[in-house]
PDB file of N, CA and C in Angstrom:
ATOM      1  N   MET A   1       2.123  -4.858  14.025  1.00  0.00           N
ATOM      2  CA  MET A   1       1.610  -4.239  12.809  1.00  0.00           C
ATOM      3  C   MET A   1       2.451  -4.703  11.626  1.00  0.00           C
ATOM      4  N   ALA A   2       1.811  -4.780  10.490  1.00  0.00           N
ATOM      5  CA  ALA A   2       2.480  -5.174   9.256  1.00  0.00           C
ATOM      6  C   ALA A   2       2.744  -3.927   8.413  1.00  0.00           C
ATOM      7  N   LYS A   3       3.899  -3.886   7.780  1.00  0.00           N
ATOM      8  CA  LYS A   3       4.296  -2.732   6.969  1.00  0.00           C
ATOM      9  C   LYS A   3       4.166  -3.099   5.493  1.00  0.00           C
ATOM     10  N   TYR A   4       3.607  -2.158   4.726  1.00  0.00           N
ATOM     11  CA  TYR A   4       3.411  -2.354   3.291  1.00  0.00           C
ATOM     12  C   TYR A   4       3.828  -1.111   2.527  1.00  0.00           C
ATOM     13  N   MET A   5       4.281  -1.333   1.293  1.00  0.00           N
ATOM     14  CA  MET A   5       4.446  -0.249   0.344  1.00  0.00           C
ATOM     15  C   MET A   5       3.257  -0.334  -0.606  1.00  0.00           C
ATOM     16  N   VAL A   6       2.510   0.737  -0.703  1.00  0.00           N
ATOM     17  CA  VAL A   6       1.350   0.797  -1.594  1.00  0.00           C
ATOM     18  C   VAL A   6       1.712   1.679  -2.776  1.00  0.00           C
ATOM     19  N   ARG A   7       1.447   1.165  -3.967  1.00  0.00           N
ATOM     20  CA  ARG A   7       1.641   1.922  -5.200  1.00  0.00           C
ATOM     21  C   ARG A   7       0.259   2.279  -5.729  1.00  0.00           C
ATOM     22  N   ALA A   8       0.048   3.553  -6.033  1.00  0.00           N
ATOM     23  CA  ALA A   8      -1.262   4.001  -6.509  1.00  0.00           C
ATOM     24  C   ALA A   8      -1.124   4.697  -7.848  1.00  0.00           C
ATOM     25  N   SER A   9      -2.141   4.499  -8.687  1.00  0.00           N
ATOM     26  CA  SER A   9      -2.186   5.149  -9.996  1.00  0.00           C
ATOM     27  C   SER A   9      -3.579   5.723 -10.216  1.00  0.00           C
ATOM     28  N   TYR A  10      -3.631   6.975 -10.640  1.00  0.00           N
ATOM     29  CA  TYR A  10      -4.899   7.640 -10.929  1.00  0.00           C
ATOM     30  C   TYR A  10      -5.282   7.399 -12.379  1.00  0.00           C
ATOM     31  N   ASN A  11      -6.575   7.189 -12.649  1.00  0.00           N
ATOM     32  CA  ASN A  11      -7.032   7.226 -14.031  1.00  0.00           C
ATOM     33  C   ASN A  11      -7.331   8.690 -14.366  1.00  0.00           C
ATOM     34  N   ALA A  12      -7.895   8.968 -15.532  1.00  0.00           N
ATOM     35  CA  ALA A  12      -8.118  10.360 -15.955  1.00  0.00           C
ATOM     36  C   ALA A  12      -9.005  11.106 -14.957  1.00  0.00           C
ATOM     37  N   GLU A  13     -10.067  10.473 -14.495  1.00  0.00           N
ATOM     38  CA  GLU A  13     -10.959  11.134 -13.533  1.00  0.00           C
ATOM     39  C   GLU A  13     -10.256  11.374 -12.202  1.00  0.00           C
ATOM     40  N   GLY A  14      -9.458  10.403 -11.773  1.00  0.00           N
ATOM     41  CA  GLY A  14      -8.702  10.570 -10.536  1.00  0.00           C
ATOM     42  C   GLY A  14      -7.690  11.698 -10.635  1.00  0.00           C
ATOM     43  N   THR A  15      -7.062  11.819 -11.794  1.00  0.00           N
ATOM     44  CA  THR A  15      -6.105  12.908 -12.004  1.00  0.00           C
ATOM     45  C   THR A  15      -6.810  14.258 -11.953  1.00  0.00           C
ATOM     46  N   LYS A  16      -8.010  14.325 -12.537  1.00  0.00           N
ATOM     47  CA  LYS A  16      -8.789  15.570 -12.454  1.00  0.00           C
ATOM     48  C   LYS A  16      -9.106  15.906 -10.997  1.00  0.00           C
ATOM     49  N   GLY A  17      -9.443  14.895 -10.215  1.00  0.00           N
ATOM     50  CA  GLY A  17      -9.714  15.114  -8.792  1.00  0.00           C
ATOM     51  C   GLY A  17      -8.474  15.575  -8.047  1.00  0.00           C
ATOM     52  N   LEU A  18      -7.325  15.000  -8.388  1.00  0.00           N
ATOM     53  CA  LEU A  18      -6.061  15.418  -7.779  1.00  0.00           C
ATOM     54  C   LEU A  18      -5.782  16.882  -8.093  1.00  0.00           C
ATOM     55  N   ILE A  19      -5.977  17.274  -9.342  1.00  0.00           N
ATOM     56  CA  ILE A  19      -5.756  18.671  -9.737  1.00  0.00           C
ATOM     57  C   ILE A  19      -6.707  19.585  -8.969  1.00  0.00           C
ATOM     58  N   LYS A  20      -7.970  19.173  -8.844  1.00  0.00           N
ATOM     59  CA  LYS A  20      -8.978  19.981  -8.150  1.00  0.00           C
ATOM     60  C   LYS A  20      -8.693  20.077  -6.654  1.00  0.00           C
ATOM     61  N   ASP A  21      -8.413  18.927  -6.011  1.00  0.00           N
ATOM     62  CA  ASP A  21      -8.252  18.893  -4.552  1.00  0.00           C
ATOM     63  C   ASP A  21      -6.856  19.298  -4.094  1.00  0.00           C
ATOM     64  N   GLY A  22      -5.853  18.985  -4.896  1.00  0.00           N
ATOM     65  CA  GLY A  22      -4.467  19.239  -4.526  1.00  0.00           C
ATOM     66  C   GLY A  22      -3.813  18.021  -3.902  1.00  0.00           C
ATOM     67  N   GLY A  23      -2.494  18.000  -3.960  1.00  0.00           N
ATOM     68  CA  GLY A  23      -1.726  16.862  -3.459  1.00  0.00           C
ATOM     69  C   GLY A  23      -1.824  16.674  -1.962  1.00  0.00           C
ATOM     70  N   VAL A  24      -1.815  17.755  -1.206  1.00  0.00           N
ATOM     71  CA  VAL A  24      -1.891  17.648   0.254  1.00  0.00           C
ATOM     72  C   VAL A  24      -3.223  17.047   0.676  1.00  0.00           C
ATOM     73  N   ALA A  25      -4.298  17.477   0.038  1.00  0.00           N
ATOM     74  CA  ALA A  25      -5.622  16.946   0.388  1.00  0.00           C
ATOM     75  C   ALA A  25      -5.710  15.449   0.111  1.00  0.00           C
ATOM     76  N   ARG A  26      -5.122  14.998  -0.980  1.00  0.00           N
ATOM     77  CA  ARG A  26      -5.158  13.564  -1.297  1.00  0.00           C
ATOM     78  C   ARG A  26      -4.291  12.781  -0.315  1.00  0.00           C
ATOM     79  N   ARG A  27      -3.138  13.343   0.074  1.00  0.00           N
ATOM     80  CA  ARG A  27      -2.312  12.690   1.095  1.00  0.00           C
ATOM     81  C   ARG A  27      -3.087  12.588   2.403  1.00  0.00           C
ATOM     82  N   GLU A  28      -3.785  13.651   2.787  1.00  0.00           N
ATOM     83  CA  GLU A  28      -4.575  13.637   4.021  1.00  0.00           C
ATOM     84  C   GLU A  28      -5.714  12.626   3.941  1.00  0.00           C
ATOM     85  N   ALA A  29      -6.312  12.473   2.765  1.00  0.00           N
ATOM     86  CA  ALA A  29      -7.374  11.475   2.591  1.00  0.00           C
ATOM     87  C   ALA A  29      -6.824  10.062   2.753  1.00  0.00           C
ATOM     88  N   ALA A  30      -5.631   9.832   2.193  1.00  0.00           N
ATOM     89  CA  ALA A  30      -5.003   8.515   2.335  1.00  0.00           C
ATOM     90  C   ALA A  30      -4.676   8.240   3.798  1.00  0.00           C
ATOM     91  N   GLU A  31      -4.172   9.246   4.495  1.00  0.00           N
ATOM     92  CA  GLU A  31      -3.833   9.066   5.906  1.00  0.00           C
ATOM     93  C   GLU A  31      -5.086   8.806   6.738  1.00  0.00           C
ATOM     94  N   ALA A  32      -6.174   9.501   6.431  1.00  0.00           N
ATOM     95  CA  ALA A  32      -7.430   9.276   7.153  1.00  0.00           C
ATOM     96  C   ALA A  32      -7.942   7.855   6.935  1.00  0.00           C
ATOM     97  N   LEU A  33      -7.813   7.357   5.712  1.00  0.00           N
ATOM     98  CA  LEU A  33      -8.227   5.980   5.412  1.00  0.00           C
ATOM     99  C   LEU A  33      -7.440   5.002   6.273  1.00  0.00           C
ATOM    100  N   ILE A  34      -6.134   5.144   6.309  1.00  0.00           N
ATOM    101  CA  ILE A  34      -5.296   4.223   7.070  1.00  0.00           C
ATOM    102  C   ILE A  34      -5.574   4.343   8.570  1.00  0.00           C
ATOM    103  N   LYS A  35      -5.725   5.571   9.069  1.00  0.00           N
ATOM    104  CA  LYS A  35      -6.040   5.763  10.494  1.00  0.00           C
ATOM    105  C   LYS A  35      -7.379   5.137  10.865  1.00  0.00           C
ATOM    106  N   SER A  36      -8.350   5.195   9.949  1.00  0.00           N
ATOM    107  CA  SER A  36      -9.676   4.634  10.242  1.00  0.00           C
ATOM    108  C   SER A  36      -9.631   3.122  10.421  1.00  0.00           C
ATOM    109  N   LEU A  37      -8.546   2.510   9.945  1.00  0.00           N
ATOM    110  CA  LEU A  37      -8.362   1.065  10.072  1.00  0.00           C
ATOM    111  C   LEU A  37      -7.376   0.710  11.183  1.00  0.00           C
ATOM    112  N   GLY A  38      -6.993   1.705  11.976  1.00  0.00           N
ATOM    113  CA  GLY A  38      -6.084   1.457  13.086  1.00  0.00           C
ATOM    114  C   GLY A  38      -4.623   1.472  12.704  1.00  0.00           C
ATOM    115  N   GLY A  39      -4.319   1.994  11.524  1.00  0.00           N
ATOM    116  CA  GLY A  39      -2.942   2.005  11.050  1.00  0.00           C
ATOM    117  C   GLY A  39      -2.327   3.388  11.067  1.00  0.00           C
ATOM    118  N   THR A  40      -1.099   3.457  10.578  1.00  0.00           N
ATOM    119  CA  THR A  40      -0.390   4.724  10.459  1.00  0.00           C
ATOM    120  C   THR A  40       0.269   4.805   9.088  1.00  0.00           C
ATOM    121  N   MET A  41       0.451   6.029   8.633  1.00  0.00           N
ATOM    122  CA  MET A  41       1.127   6.261   7.363  1.00  0.00           C
ATOM    123  C   MET A  41       2.512   6.813   7.667  1.00  0.00           C
ATOM    124  N   GLU A  42       3.534   6.115   7.219  1.00  0.00           N
ATOM    125  CA  GLU A  42       4.913   6.546   7.453  1.00  0.00           C
ATOM    126  C   GLU A  42       5.314   7.661   6.493  1.00  0.00           C
ATOM    127  N   CYS A  43       4.974   7.492   5.204  1.00  0.00           N
ATOM    128  CA  CYS A  43       5.309   8.521   4.218  1.00  0.00           C
ATOM    129  C   CYS A  43       4.413   8.363   2.995  1.00  0.00           C
ATOM    130  N   PHE A  44       4.319   9.446   2.237  1.00  0.00           N
ATOM    131  CA  PHE A  44       3.514   9.496   1.013  1.00  0.00           C
ATOM    132  C   PHE A  44       4.289  10.352   0.021  1.00  0.00           C
ATOM    133  N   TYR A  45       4.636   9.758  -1.118  1.00  0.00           N
ATOM    134  CA  TYR A  45       5.367  10.485  -2.155  1.00  0.00           C
ATOM    135  C   TYR A  45       4.648  10.350  -3.490  1.00  0.00           C
ATOM    136  N   TYR A  46       4.579  11.457  -4.224  1.00  0.00           N
ATOM    137  CA  TYR A  46       4.131  11.416  -5.610  1.00  0.00           C
ATOM    138  C   TYR A  46       5.324  11.083  -6.494  1.00  0.00           C
ATOM    139  N   ALA A  47       5.050  10.491  -7.656  1.00  0.00           N
ATOM    140  CA  ALA A  47       6.115  10.085  -8.564  1.00  0.00           C
ATOM    141  C   ALA A  47       5.643  10.212 -10.004  1.00  0.00           C
ATOM    142  N   LEU A  48       6.580  10.174 -10.915  1.00  0.00           N
ATOM    143  CA  LEU A  48       6.287  10.127 -12.346  1.00  0.00           C
ATOM    144  C   LEU A  48       6.604   8.722 -12.828  1.00  0.00           C
ATOM    145  N   GLY A  49       5.839   8.241 -13.783  1.00  0.00           N
ATOM    146  CA  GLY A  49       6.090   6.906 -14.326  1.00  0.00           C
ATOM    147  C   GLY A  49       4.831   6.066 -14.255  1.00  0.00           C
ATOM    148  N   ASP A  50       5.012   4.763 -14.095  1.00  0.00           N
ATOM    149  CA  ASP A  50       3.871   3.852 -14.073  1.00  0.00           C
ATOM    150  C   ASP A  50       2.961   4.081 -12.867  1.00  0.00           C
ATOM    151  N   ASP A  51       3.547   4.487 -11.742  1.00  0.00           N
ATOM    152  CA  ASP A  51       2.780   4.735 -10.525  1.00  0.00           C
ATOM    153  C   ASP A  51       2.806   6.227 -10.217  1.00  0.00           C
ATOM    154  N   ASP A  52       1.684   6.720  -9.702  1.00  0.00           N
ATOM    155  CA  ASP A  52       1.580   8.141  -9.379  1.00  0.00           C
ATOM    156  C   ASP A  52       1.944   8.445  -7.931  1.00  0.00           C
ATOM    157  N   ALA A  53       1.850   7.452  -7.061  1.00  0.00           N
ATOM    158  CA  ALA A  53       2.175   7.684  -5.653  1.00  0.00           C
ATOM    159  C   ALA A  53       2.716   6.406  -5.027  1.00  0.00           C
ATOM    160  N   TYR A  54       3.602   6.600  -4.059  1.00  0.00           N
ATOM    161  CA  TYR A  54       4.152   5.512  -3.248  1.00  0.00           C
ATOM    162  C   TYR A  54       3.888   5.872  -1.790  1.00  0.00           C
ATOM    163  N   VAL A  55       3.316   4.927  -1.059  1.00  0.00           N
ATOM    164  CA  VAL A  55       2.925   5.183   0.318  1.00  0.00           C
ATOM    165  C   VAL A  55       3.418   4.021   1.179  1.00  0.00           C
ATOM    166  N   ILE A  56       4.064   4.335   2.297  1.00  0.00           N
ATOM    167  CA  ILE A  56       4.480   3.306   3.247  1.00  0.00           C
ATOM    168  C   ILE A  56       3.533   3.384   4.436  1.00  0.00           C
ATOM    169  N   ILE A  57       2.900   2.246   4.748  1.00  0.00           N
ATOM    170  CA  ILE A  57       1.909   2.213   5.824  1.00  0.00           C
ATOM    171  C   ILE A  57       2.188   1.053   6.780  1.00  0.00           C
ATOM    172  N   ASP A  58       1.662   1.193   7.979  1.00  0.00           N
ATOM    173  CA  ASP A  58       1.599   0.100   8.950  1.00  0.00           C
ATOM    174  C   ASP A  58       0.128  -0.127   9.236  1.00  0.00           C
ATOM    175  N   VAL A  59      -0.315  -1.364   9.114  1.00  0.00           N
ATOM    176  CA  VAL A  59      -1.703  -1.708   9.432  1.00  0.00           C
ATOM    177  C   VAL A  59      -1.713  -2.907  10.370  1.00  0.00           C
ATOM    178  N   PRO A  60      -2.779  -3.033  11.174  1.00  0.00           N
ATOM    179  CA  PRO A  60      -2.813  -4.100  12.168  1.00  0.00           C
ATOM    180  C   PRO A  60      -2.783  -5.517  11.602  1.00  0.00           C
ATOM    181  N   ASP A  61      -3.359  -5.712  10.411  1.00  0.00           N
ATOM    182  CA  ASP A  61      -3.483  -7.068   9.877  1.00  0.00           C
ATOM    183  C   ASP A  61      -3.805  -7.024   8.389  1.00  0.00           C
ATOM    184  N   THR A  62      -3.806  -8.190   7.779  1.00  0.00           N
ATOM    185  CA  THR A  62      -4.091  -8.287   6.347  1.00  0.00           C
ATOM    186  C   THR A  62      -5.502  -7.816   6.017  1.00  0.00           C
ATOM    187  N   ALA A  63      -6.469  -8.112   6.889  1.00  0.00           N
ATOM    188  CA  ALA A  63      -7.847  -7.689   6.639  1.00  0.00           C
ATOM    189  C   ALA A  63      -7.933  -6.167   6.516  1.00  0.00           C
ATOM    190  N   SER A  64      -7.146  -5.443   7.301  1.00  0.00           N
ATOM    191  CA  SER A  64      -7.143  -3.978   7.222  1.00  0.00           C
ATOM    192  C   SER A  64      -6.603  -3.509   5.880  1.00  0.00           C
ATOM    193  N   LEU A  65      -5.552  -4.156   5.400  1.00  0.00           N
ATOM    194  CA  LEU A  65      -5.001  -3.812   4.097  1.00  0.00           C
ATOM    195  C   LEU A  65      -6.011  -4.092   2.995  1.00  0.00           C
ATOM    196  N   VAL A  66      -6.673  -5.237   3.071  1.00  0.00           N
ATOM    197  CA  VAL A  66      -7.670  -5.592   2.064  1.00  0.00           C
ATOM    198  C   VAL A  66      -8.834  -4.604   2.102  1.00  0.00           C
ATOM    199  N   ALA A  67      -9.274  -4.203   3.289  1.00  0.00           N
ATOM    200  CA  ALA A  67     -10.365  -3.232   3.407  1.00  0.00           C
ATOM    201  C   ALA A  67      -9.984  -1.910   2.742  1.00  0.00           C
ATOM    202  N   ALA A  68      -8.750  -1.459   2.964  1.00  0.00           N
ATOM    203  CA  ALA A  68      -8.289  -0.229   2.318  1.00  0.00           C
ATOM    204  C   ALA A  68      -8.264  -0.395   0.807  1.00  0.00           C
ATOM    205  N   SER A  69      -7.765  -1.523   0.347  1.00  0.00           N
ATOM    206  CA  SER A  69      -7.684  -1.792  -1.084  1.00  0.00           C
ATOM    207  C   SER A  69      -9.075  -1.820  -1.724  1.00  0.00           C
ATOM    208  N   LEU A  70     -10.035  -2.418  -1.028  1.00  0.00           N
ATOM    209  CA  LEU A  70     -11.406  -2.457  -1.543  1.00  0.00           C
ATOM    210  C   LEU A  70     -12.002  -1.059  -1.645  1.00  0.00           C
ATOM    211  N   ALA A  71     -11.769  -0.232  -0.625  1.00  0.00           N
ATOM    212  CA  ALA A  71     -12.292   1.137  -0.646  1.00  0.00           C
ATOM    213  C   ALA A  71     -11.686   1.932  -1.794  1.00  0.00           C
ATOM    214  N   ILE A  72     -10.381   1.777  -1.989  1.00  0.00           N
ATOM    215  CA  ILE A  72      -9.704   2.488  -3.074  1.00  0.00           C
ATOM    216  C   ILE A  72     -10.220   2.008  -4.424  1.00  0.00           C
ATOM    217  N   GLY A  73     -10.288   0.698  -4.603  1.00  0.00           N
ATOM    218  CA  GLY A  73     -10.754   0.139  -5.874  1.00  0.00           C
ATOM    219  C   GLY A  73     -12.195   0.500  -6.189  1.00  0.00           C
ATOM    220  N   ALA A  74     -13.046   0.528  -5.163  1.00  0.00           N
ATOM    221  CA  ALA A  74     -14.464   0.844  -5.370  1.00  0.00           C
ATOM    222  C   ALA A  74     -14.665   2.281  -5.831  1.00  0.00           C
ATOM    223  N   SER A  75     -13.672   3.143  -5.582  1.00  0.00           N
ATOM    224  CA  SER A  75     -13.808   4.536  -6.013  1.00  0.00           C
ATOM    225  C   SER A  75     -13.858   4.644  -7.535  1.00  0.00           C
ATOM    226  N   GLY A  76     -13.213   3.705  -8.210  1.00  0.00           N
ATOM    227  CA  GLY A  76     -13.194   3.718  -9.660  1.00  0.00           C
ATOM    228  C   GLY A  76     -12.234   4.722 -10.268  1.00  0.00           C
ATOM    229  N   VAL A  77     -11.499   5.485  -9.441  1.00  0.00           N
ATOM    230  CA  VAL A  77     -10.612   6.512  -9.980  1.00  0.00           C
ATOM    231  C   VAL A  77      -9.141   6.284  -9.634  1.00  0.00           C
ATOM    232  N   VAL A  78      -8.895   5.287  -8.797  1.00  0.00           N
ATOM    233  CA  VAL A  78      -7.527   4.970  -8.388  1.00  0.00           C
ATOM    234  C   VAL A  78      -7.363   3.457  -8.375  1.00  0.00           C
ATOM    235  N   THR A  79      -6.229   2.966  -8.838  1.00  0.00           N
ATOM    236  CA  THR A  79      -5.883   1.562  -8.642  1.00  0.00           C
ATOM    237  C   THR A  79      -4.678   1.527  -7.713  1.00  0.00           C
ATOM    238  N   ALA A  80      -4.603   0.471  -6.930  1.00  0.00           N
ATOM    239  CA  ALA A  80      -3.501   0.353  -5.982  1.00  0.00           C
ATOM    240  C   ALA A  80      -3.046  -1.090  -5.899  1.00  0.00           C
ATOM    241  N   SER A  81      -1.772  -1.253  -5.610  1.00  0.00           N
ATOM    242  CA  SER A  81      -1.228  -2.574  -5.327  1.00  0.00           C
ATOM    243  C   SER A  81      -0.304  -2.416  -4.137  1.00  0.00           C
ATOM    244  N   SER A  82      -0.065  -3.514  -3.436  1.00  0.00           N
ATOM    245  CA  SER A  82       0.737  -3.415  -2.219  1.00  0.00           C
ATOM    246  C   SER A  82       1.803  -4.506  -2.188  1.00  0.00           C
ATOM    247  N   THR A  83       2.881  -4.200  -1.502  1.00  0.00           N
ATOM    248  CA  THR A  83       3.988  -5.119  -1.315  1.00  0.00           C
ATOM    249  C   THR A  83       4.317  -5.170   0.164  1.00  0.00           C
ATOM    250  N   PRO A  84       4.318  -6.364   0.766  1.00  0.00           N
ATOM    251  CA  PRO A  84       4.713  -6.434   2.176  1.00  0.00           C
ATOM    252  C   PRO A  84       6.196  -6.113   2.327  1.00  0.00           C
ATOM    253  N   LEU A  85       6.531  -5.417   3.396  1.00  0.00           N
ATOM    254  CA  LEU A  85       7.918  -5.058   3.677  1.00  0.00           C
ATOM    255  C   LEU A  85       8.361  -5.749   4.959  1.00  0.00           C
ATOM    256  N   PHE A  86       9.629  -6.149   5.008  1.00  0.00           N
ATOM    257  CA  PHE A  86      10.163  -6.893   6.142  1.00  0.00           C
ATOM    258  C   PHE A  86      11.413  -6.220   6.671  1.00  0.00           C
ATOM    259  N   THR A  87      11.601  -6.282   7.973  1.00  0.00           N
ATOM    260  CA  THR A  87      12.828  -5.765   8.576  1.00  0.00           C
ATOM    261  C   THR A  87      13.948  -6.771   8.374  1.00  0.00           C
ATOM    262  N   ALA A  88      15.164  -6.336   8.609  1.00  0.00           N
ATOM    263  CA  ALA A  88      16.312  -7.243   8.526  1.00  0.00           C
ATOM    264  C   ALA A  88      16.185  -8.362   9.553  1.00  0.00           C
ATOM    265  N   GLU A  89      15.644  -8.032  10.721  1.00  0.00           N
ATOM    266  CA  GLU A  89      15.453  -9.042  11.763  1.00  0.00           C
ATOM    267  C   GLU A  89      14.425 -10.092  11.343  1.00  0.00           C
ATOM    268  N   GLU A  90      13.373  -9.655  10.684  1.00  0.00           N
ATOM    269  CA  GLU A  90      12.377 -10.610  10.189  1.00  0.00           C
ATOM    270  C   GLU A  90      12.979 -11.505   9.107  1.00  0.00           C
ATOM    271  N   MET A  91      13.845 -10.945   8.276  1.00  0.00           N
ATOM    272  CA  MET A  91      14.513 -11.746   7.253  1.00  0.00           C
ATOM    273  C   MET A  91      15.409 -12.787   7.913  1.00  0.00           C
ATOM    274  N   ASP A  92      16.157 -12.371   8.944  1.00  0.00           N
ATOM    275  CA  ASP A  92      17.001 -13.327   9.658  1.00  0.00           C
ATOM    276  C   ASP A  92      16.177 -14.449  10.262  1.00  0.00           C
ATOM    277  N   GLU A  93      15.013 -14.110  10.816  1.00  0.00           N
ATOM    278  CA  GLU A  93      14.124 -15.132  11.393  1.00  0.00           C
ATOM    279  C   GLU A  93      13.675 -16.106  10.313  1.00  0.00           C
ATOM    280  N   ALA A  94      13.354 -15.590   9.140  1.00  0.00           N
ATOM    281  CA  ALA A  94      12.905 -16.448   8.036  1.00  0.00           C
ATOM    282  C   ALA A  94      14.016 -17.376   7.558  1.00  0.00           C
ATOM    283  N   THR A  95      15.255 -16.880   7.538  1.00  0.00           N
ATOM    284  CA  THR A  95      16.356 -17.717   7.042  1.00  0.00           C
ATOM    285  C   THR A  95      16.684 -18.870   7.980  1.00  0.00           C
ATOM    286  N   LYS A  96      16.194 -18.805   9.199  1.00  0.00           N
ATOM    287  CA  LYS A  96      16.451 -19.875  10.171  1.00  0.00           C
ATOM    288  C   LYS A  96      15.408 -20.986  10.097  1.00  0.00           C
ATOM    289  N   LYS A  97      14.372 -20.785   9.310  1.00  0.00           N
ATOM    290  CA  LYS A  97      13.339 -21.811   9.151  1.00  0.00           C
ATOM    291  C   LYS A  97      13.775 -22.802   8.076  1.00  0.00           C
ATOM    292  N   SER A  98      13.271 -24.029   8.153  1.00  0.00           N
ATOM    293  CA  SER A  98      13.643 -25.070   7.195  1.00  0.00           C
ATOM    294  C   SER A  98      12.375 -25.606   6.502  1.00  0.00           C
ATOM    295  N   PRO A  99      11.883 -24.894   5.509  1.00  0.00           N
ATOM    296  CA  PRO A  99      10.665 -25.341   4.845  1.00  0.00           C
ATOM    297  C   PRO A  99      10.911 -26.590   3.986  1.00  0.00           C
ATOM    298  N   ALA A 100       9.930 -27.466   3.937  1.00  0.00           N
ATOM    299  CA  ALA A 100       9.987 -28.642   3.063  1.00  0.00           C
ATOM    300  C   ALA A 100       9.434 -28.242   1.710  1.00  0.00           C
ATOM    301  N   TYR A 101      10.260 -28.321   0.687  1.00  0.00           N
ATOM    302  CA  TYR A 101       9.839 -27.905  -0.649  1.00  0.00           C
ATOM    303  C   TYR A 101      10.501 -28.771  -1.698  1.00  0.00           C
ATOM    304  N   LYS A 102       9.701 -29.232  -2.653  1.00  0.00           N
ATOM    305  CA  LYS A 102      10.210 -29.997  -3.771  1.00  0.00           C
ATOM    306  C   LYS A 102       9.962 -29.179  -5.041  1.00  0.00           C
ATOM    307  N   PRO A 103      11.040 -28.749  -5.740  1.00  0.00           N
ATOM    308  CA  PRO A 103      10.866 -27.952  -6.955  1.00  0.00           C
ATOM    309  C   PRO A 103      10.161 -28.755  -8.054  1.00  0.00           C
ATOM    310  N   PRO A 104       9.455 -28.071  -8.956  1.00  0.00           N
ATOM    311  CA  PRO A 104       8.805 -28.753 -10.066  1.00  0.00           C
ATOM    312  C   PRO A 104       9.829 -29.525 -10.904  1.00  0.00           C
ATOM    313  N   GLY A 105       9.476 -30.711 -11.300  1.00  0.00           N
ATOM    314  CA  GLY A 105      10.323 -31.509 -12.175  1.00  0.00           C
ATOM    315  C   GLY A 105      11.455 -32.245 -11.480  1.00  0.00           C
ATOM    316  N   SER A 106      11.505 -32.165 -10.143  1.00  0.00           N
ATOM    317  CA  SER A 106      12.610 -32.876  -9.467  1.00  0.00           C
ATOM    318  C   SER A 106      12.109 -34.119  -8.766  1.00  0.00           C
TER     319      SER A 106
END
């Protein structure tokens, strides 16, 4: 499974829905979405600032993440972006690879 941090932001209509439904109900809706794709939700936190919520999820593959993103975006009341997360062991594995790369202008 792949782990991602999802950042979500409500627009005005989404915020009204959050107020109406409550924070727990929205967390449960997010968890149901991820479970429907074969994934799990590690944590869900609300925040103040540019993003309204931070969610850590595990999903089986990139297609599952994209499907969740499409469902969220199609709602028209929430925007979301995701960042892949890596373990220290995965980072060590990456540092042992020798990619061929030529920087621009060299």
